[in-house]
Amino acid sequence: MKHLYYSEEENSNIIVAKCFYFYESKELDKYVKKILKK
């Protein structure tokens, strides 16, 4: 598992970090589509 880099001060950066994690897990597509629908 790769260490995610993000600033705990900004939730948006945490979401980006999660996107990179899901990309590694081949789940980025599903995750991004959920974000775009919001």
C-alpha atoms as a PDB file:
ATOM      1  CA  MET A   1       0.000   0.000   0.000  1.00  0.00           C
ATOM      2  CA  LYS A   2       1.434   3.341  -1.039  1.00  0.00           C
ATOM      3  CA  HIS A   3       1.508   6.191   1.421  1.00  0.00           C
ATOM      4  CA  LEU A   4      -0.956   8.909   0.440  1.00  0.00           C
ATOM      5  CA  TYR A   5       0.245  12.482   0.390  1.00  0.00           C
ATOM      6  CA  TYR A   6      -2.256  15.167   1.331  1.00  0.00           C
ATOM      7  CA  SER A   7      -2.768  18.122   3.613  1.00  0.00           C
ATOM      8  CA  GLU A   8      -4.989  17.312   6.572  1.00  0.00           C
ATOM      9  CA  GLU A   9      -6.003  20.970   6.547  1.00  0.00           C
ATOM     10  CA  GLU A  10      -7.883  20.666   3.270  1.00  0.00           C
ATOM     11  CA  ASN A  11     -10.592  18.068   2.696  1.00  0.00           C
ATOM     12  CA  SER A  12     -10.325  18.577  -1.067  1.00  0.00           C
ATOM     13  CA  ASN A  13      -6.729  17.383  -0.945  1.00  0.00           C
ATOM     14  CA  ILE A  14      -7.797  14.344   1.047  1.00  0.00           C
ATOM     15  CA  ILE A  15     -10.295  13.519  -1.701  1.00  0.00           C
ATOM     16  CA  VAL A  16      -7.516  13.837  -4.284  1.00  0.00           C
ATOM     17  CA  ALA A  17      -5.299  11.537  -2.243  1.00  0.00           C
ATOM     18  CA  LYS A  18      -8.141   9.022  -2.047  1.00  0.00           C
ATOM     19  CA  CYS A  19      -8.502   9.276  -5.824  1.00  0.00           C
ATOM     20  CA  PHE A  20      -4.871   8.285  -6.236  1.00  0.00           C
ATOM     21  CA  TYR A  21      -5.390   5.388  -3.820  1.00  0.00           C
ATOM     22  CA  PHE A  22      -8.425   4.148  -5.734  1.00  0.00           C
ATOM     23  CA  TYR A  23      -6.474   4.550  -8.972  1.00  0.00           C
ATOM     24  CA  GLU A  24      -3.942   2.098  -7.558  1.00  0.00           C
ATOM     25  CA  SER A  25      -6.873  -0.158  -6.673  1.00  0.00           C
ATOM     26  CA  LYS A  26      -8.390   0.138 -10.155  1.00  0.00           C
ATOM     27  CA  GLU A  27     -11.417   1.851  -8.583  1.00  0.00           C
ATOM     28  CA  LEU A  28     -10.672   5.427  -9.648  1.00  0.00           C
ATOM     29  CA  ASP A  29     -13.309   5.444 -12.379  1.00  0.00           C
ATOM     30  CA  LYS A  30     -16.152   4.548 -10.024  1.00  0.00           C
ATOM     31  CA  TYR A  31     -14.947   6.944  -7.319  1.00  0.00           C
ATOM     32  CA  VAL A  32     -14.526   9.911  -9.669  1.00  0.00           C
ATOM     33  CA  LYS A  33     -17.968   9.366 -11.179  1.00  0.00           C
ATOM     34  CA  LYS A  34     -19.458   9.541  -7.675  1.00  0.00           C
ATOM     35  CA  ILE A  35     -17.640  12.826  -7.016  1.00  0.00           C
ATOM     36  CA  LEU A  36     -18.705  14.353 -10.338  1.00  0.00           C
ATOM     37  CA  LYS A  37     -22.356  13.561  -9.616  1.00  0.00           C
ATOM     38  CA  LYS A  38     -22.246  15.617  -6.411  1.00  0.00           C
END
